[in-house]
C-alpha atoms as a PDB file:
ATOM      1  CA  MET A   1     152.082 160.814 -43.799  1.00  0.00           C
ATOM      2  CA  GLY A   2     149.908 158.752 -45.949  1.00  0.00           C
ATOM      3  CA  ALA A   3     146.430 157.483 -44.845  1.00  0.00           C
ATOM      4  CA  ALA A   4     147.970 153.983 -44.809  1.00  0.00           C
ATOM      5  CA  ASN A   5     150.435 154.804 -42.194  1.00  0.00           C
ATOM      6  CA  ARG A   6     148.025 156.434 -39.738  1.00  0.00           C
ATOM      7  CA  THR A   7     146.083 154.519 -37.005  1.00  0.00           C
ATOM      8  CA  LEU A   8     142.791 156.259 -35.724  1.00  0.00           C
ATOM      9  CA  MET A   9     141.659 155.220 -32.439  1.00  0.00           C
ATOM     10  CA  SER A  10     137.970 155.483 -31.733  1.00  0.00           C
ATOM     11  CA  GLU A  11     138.113 154.627 -27.925  1.00  0.00           C
ATOM     12  CA  PRO A  12     140.777 155.381 -25.373  1.00  0.00           C
ATOM     13  CA  PHE A  13     143.431 152.721 -24.952  1.00  0.00           C
ATOM     14  CA  GLU A  14     143.123 150.636 -21.900  1.00  0.00           C
ATOM     15  CA  PRO A  15     146.143 148.277 -21.239  1.00  0.00           C
ATOM     16  CA  PRO A  16     145.107 144.667 -20.324  1.00  0.00           C
ATOM     17  CA  ARG A  17     144.677 143.861 -16.928  1.00  0.00           C
ATOM     18  CA  ALA A  18     147.178 141.687 -15.173  1.00  0.00           C
ATOM     19  CA  SER A  19     144.456 139.565 -13.939  1.00  0.00           C
ATOM     20  CA  PRO A  20     140.897 139.460 -15.429  1.00  0.00           C
ATOM     21  CA  ARG A  21     138.059 140.543 -13.225  1.00  0.00           C
ATOM     22  CA  VAL A  22     135.081 138.148 -12.677  1.00  0.00           C
ATOM     23  CA  ASP A  23     131.535 139.674 -12.249  1.00  0.00           C
ATOM     24  CA  ILE A  24     130.626 138.237  -8.720  1.00  0.00           C
ATOM     25  CA  ARG A  25     128.363 139.344  -5.755  1.00  0.00           C
ATOM     26  CA  LEU A  26     130.051 138.580  -2.569  1.00  0.00           C
ATOM     27  CA  PRO A  27     129.461 140.149   0.764  1.00  0.00           C
ATOM     28  CA  ALA A  28     132.579 142.481   1.841  1.00  0.00           C
ATOM     29  CA  ARG A  29     133.629 144.974   4.416  1.00  0.00           C
ATOM     30  CA  LEU A  30     135.867 148.006   4.049  1.00  0.00           C
ATOM     31  CA  HIS A  31     137.974 148.617   7.226  1.00  0.00           C
ATOM     32  CA  THR A  32     138.816 152.027   7.717  1.00  0.00           C
ATOM     33  CA  ASP A  33     140.742 153.720  10.686  1.00  0.00           C
ATOM     34  CA  HIS A  34     137.420 154.504  12.418  1.00  0.00           C
ATOM     35  CA  SER A  35     134.779 152.091  10.991  1.00  0.00           C
ATOM     36  CA  VAL A  36     133.816 148.946   9.145  1.00  0.00           C
ATOM     37  CA  VAL A  37     131.428 149.610   6.056  1.00  0.00           C
ATOM     38  CA  ASP A  38     129.516 146.663   4.638  1.00  0.00           C
ATOM     39  CA  VAL A  39     129.599 146.493   0.926  1.00  0.00           C
ATOM     40  CA  GLU A  40     129.054 143.990  -1.803  1.00  0.00           C
ATOM     41  CA  THR A  41     131.541 143.083  -4.687  1.00  0.00           C
ATOM     42  CA  VAL A  42     130.529 143.930  -8.281  1.00  0.00           C
ATOM     43  CA  ASN A  43     133.750 142.086  -9.576  1.00  0.00           C
ATOM     44  CA  LEU A  44     137.028 140.474  -8.122  1.00  0.00           C
ATOM     45  CA  SER A  45     140.227 139.330  -9.354  1.00  0.00           C
ATOM     46  CA  VAL A  46     143.421 138.141  -7.728  1.00  0.00           C
ATOM     47  CA  ASP A  47     144.650 141.736  -7.876  1.00  0.00           C
ATOM     48  CA  GLY A  48     141.826 143.992  -6.796  1.00  0.00           C
ATOM     49  CA  LEU A  49     137.980 144.476  -6.827  1.00  0.00           C
ATOM     50  CA  LEU A  50     135.021 146.929  -7.431  1.00  0.00           C
ATOM     51  CA  VAL A  51     132.390 147.066  -4.585  1.00  0.00           C
ATOM     52  CA  ARG A  52     128.939 148.737  -4.319  1.00  0.00           C
ATOM     53  CA  GLY A  53     127.848 150.628  -1.335  1.00  0.00           C
ATOM     54  CA  ASP A  54     126.513 153.993   0.010  1.00  0.00           C
ATOM     55  CA  ASN A  55     128.845 157.043   0.456  1.00  0.00           C
ATOM     56  CA  LEU A  56     132.069 155.241  -0.693  1.00  0.00           C
ATOM     57  CA  ASP A  57     133.575 158.621  -1.964  1.00  0.00           C
ATOM     58  CA  ALA A  58     134.471 159.281   1.710  1.00  0.00           C
ATOM     59  CA  ALA A  59     135.838 155.771   2.503  1.00  0.00           C
ATOM     60  CA  THR A  60     139.635 155.253   2.780  1.00  0.00           C
ATOM     61  CA  PRO A  61     140.015 151.621   3.615  1.00  0.00           C
ATOM     62  CA  HIS A  62     143.217 150.165   4.543  1.00  0.00           C
ATOM     63  CA  ASP A  63     141.829 146.528   4.452  1.00  0.00           C
ATOM     64  CA  ILE A  64     139.125 144.797   2.561  1.00  0.00           C
ATOM     65  CA  GLU A  65     137.367 141.651   3.858  1.00  0.00           C
ATOM     66  CA  ILE A  66     135.590 139.151   1.420  1.00  0.00           C
ATOM     67  CA  ASP A  67     133.341 136.444   2.256  1.00  0.00           C
ATOM     68  CA  LEU A  68     134.579 133.414   0.220  1.00  0.00           C
ATOM     69  CA  HIS A  69     131.770 131.198   1.103  1.00  0.00           C
ATOM     70  CA  ASP A  70     133.021 127.971   2.356  1.00  0.00           C
ATOM     71  CA  MET A  71     136.863 129.312   2.419  1.00  0.00           C
ATOM     72  CA  GLY A  72     135.681 131.938   5.146  1.00  0.00           C
ATOM     73  CA  TRP A  73     136.401 135.705   5.315  1.00  0.00           C
ATOM     74  CA  GLN A  74     139.581 136.640   3.941  1.00  0.00           C
ATOM     75  CA  ARG A  75     140.958 140.118   5.025  1.00  0.00           C
ATOM     76  CA  ILE A  76     143.522 141.809   2.488  1.00  0.00           C
ATOM     77  CA  PRO A  77     145.408 145.134   2.682  1.00  0.00           C
ATOM     78  CA  ALA A  78     144.383 147.250  -0.035  1.00  0.00           C
ATOM     79  CA  ARG A  79     144.461 150.833  -1.534  1.00  0.00           C
ATOM     80  CA  VAL A  80     141.857 152.779  -3.107  1.00  0.00           C
ATOM     81  CA  VAL A  81     142.115 153.245  -6.889  1.00  0.00           C
ATOM     82  CA  ARG A  82     139.071 155.374  -7.565  1.00  0.00           C
ATOM     83  CA  THR A  83     135.548 156.060  -6.399  1.00  0.00           C
ATOM     84  CA  SER A  84     132.481 156.909  -8.490  1.00  0.00           C
ATOM     85  CA  ASP A  85     131.264 160.259  -8.463  1.00  0.00           C
ATOM     86  CA  GLY A  86     127.971 159.491  -6.534  1.00  0.00           C
ATOM     87  CA  GLY A  87     130.008 157.527  -4.109  1.00  0.00           C
ATOM     88  CA  GLU A  88     128.258 154.200  -5.036  1.00  0.00           C
ATOM     89  CA  HIS A  89     131.233 152.293  -6.247  1.00  0.00           C
ATOM     90  CA  LEU A  90     134.770 151.988  -5.158  1.00  0.00           C
ATOM     91  CA  ALA A  91     137.645 150.192  -6.795  1.00  0.00           C
ATOM     92  CA  ALA A  92     140.586 148.878  -5.117  1.00  0.00           C
ATOM     93  CA  MET A  93     143.934 147.188  -5.598  1.00  0.00           C
ATOM     94  CA  PHE A  94     145.378 144.606  -3.101  1.00  0.00           C
ATOM     95  CA  ALA A  95     148.394 146.077  -1.605  1.00  0.00           C
ATOM     96  CA  ASP A  96     151.813 144.246  -2.570  1.00  0.00           C
ATOM     97  CA  ALA A  97     151.836 143.395   1.036  1.00  0.00           C
ATOM     98  CA  ALA A  98     149.047 141.395   0.803  1.00  0.00           C
ATOM     99  CA  SER A  99     150.186 137.734   1.601  1.00  0.00           C
ATOM    100  CA  SER A 100     150.467 135.468  -1.240  1.00  0.00           C
ATOM    101  CA  GLY A 101     148.212 132.891   0.744  1.00  0.00           C
ATOM    102  CA  LYS A 102     145.331 135.566   0.746  1.00  0.00           C
ATOM    103  CA  ARG A 103     145.806 135.995  -3.263  1.00  0.00           C
ATOM    104  CA  GLU A 104     145.903 132.181  -3.607  1.00  0.00           C
ATOM    105  CA  ALA A 105     142.583 131.866  -1.655  1.00  0.00           C
ATOM    106  CA  ILE A 106     140.980 134.284  -3.954  1.00  0.00           C
ATOM    107  CA  GLN A 107     142.526 132.537  -6.902  1.00  0.00           C
ATOM    108  CA  ALA A 108     141.237 129.108  -5.810  1.00  0.00           C
ATOM    109  CA  PHE A 109     137.750 130.497  -5.057  1.00  0.00           C
ATOM    110  CA  LEU A 110     137.398 132.016  -8.517  1.00  0.00           C
ATOM    111  CA  LYS A 111     138.761 128.815 -10.119  1.00  0.00           C
ATOM    112  CA  ARG A 112     136.487 126.691  -7.761  1.00  0.00           C
ATOM    113  CA  TYR A 113     133.134 128.722  -8.315  1.00  0.00           C
ATOM    114  CA  VAL A 114     133.423 130.582 -11.459  1.00  0.00           C
ATOM    115  CA  GLY A 115     135.326 128.057 -13.755  1.00  0.00           C
END
């Protein structure tokens, strides 16, 4: 194979996100089977979010609640995608079961406050 036919990749391929994430700090809560953990969002999209907190590597939330300012707290079913090694960050995708109304609230919030 000639050099013209090869493609070199210097970075791993990451497929584009279905919904772009927006860097935004909002109060949030992780609801687990036994507790509620206060956290702060790092970024947010219609499909998921990244939060910052303490000891999140042990957290297994089934719902995430986000304070969308004047739109109020929105509680959304979610599943953990990954946590950081130190447990400071947790990434979650909103569950397919999340009502479209909750996703629409996030979309409206992002459009209204972020642009």
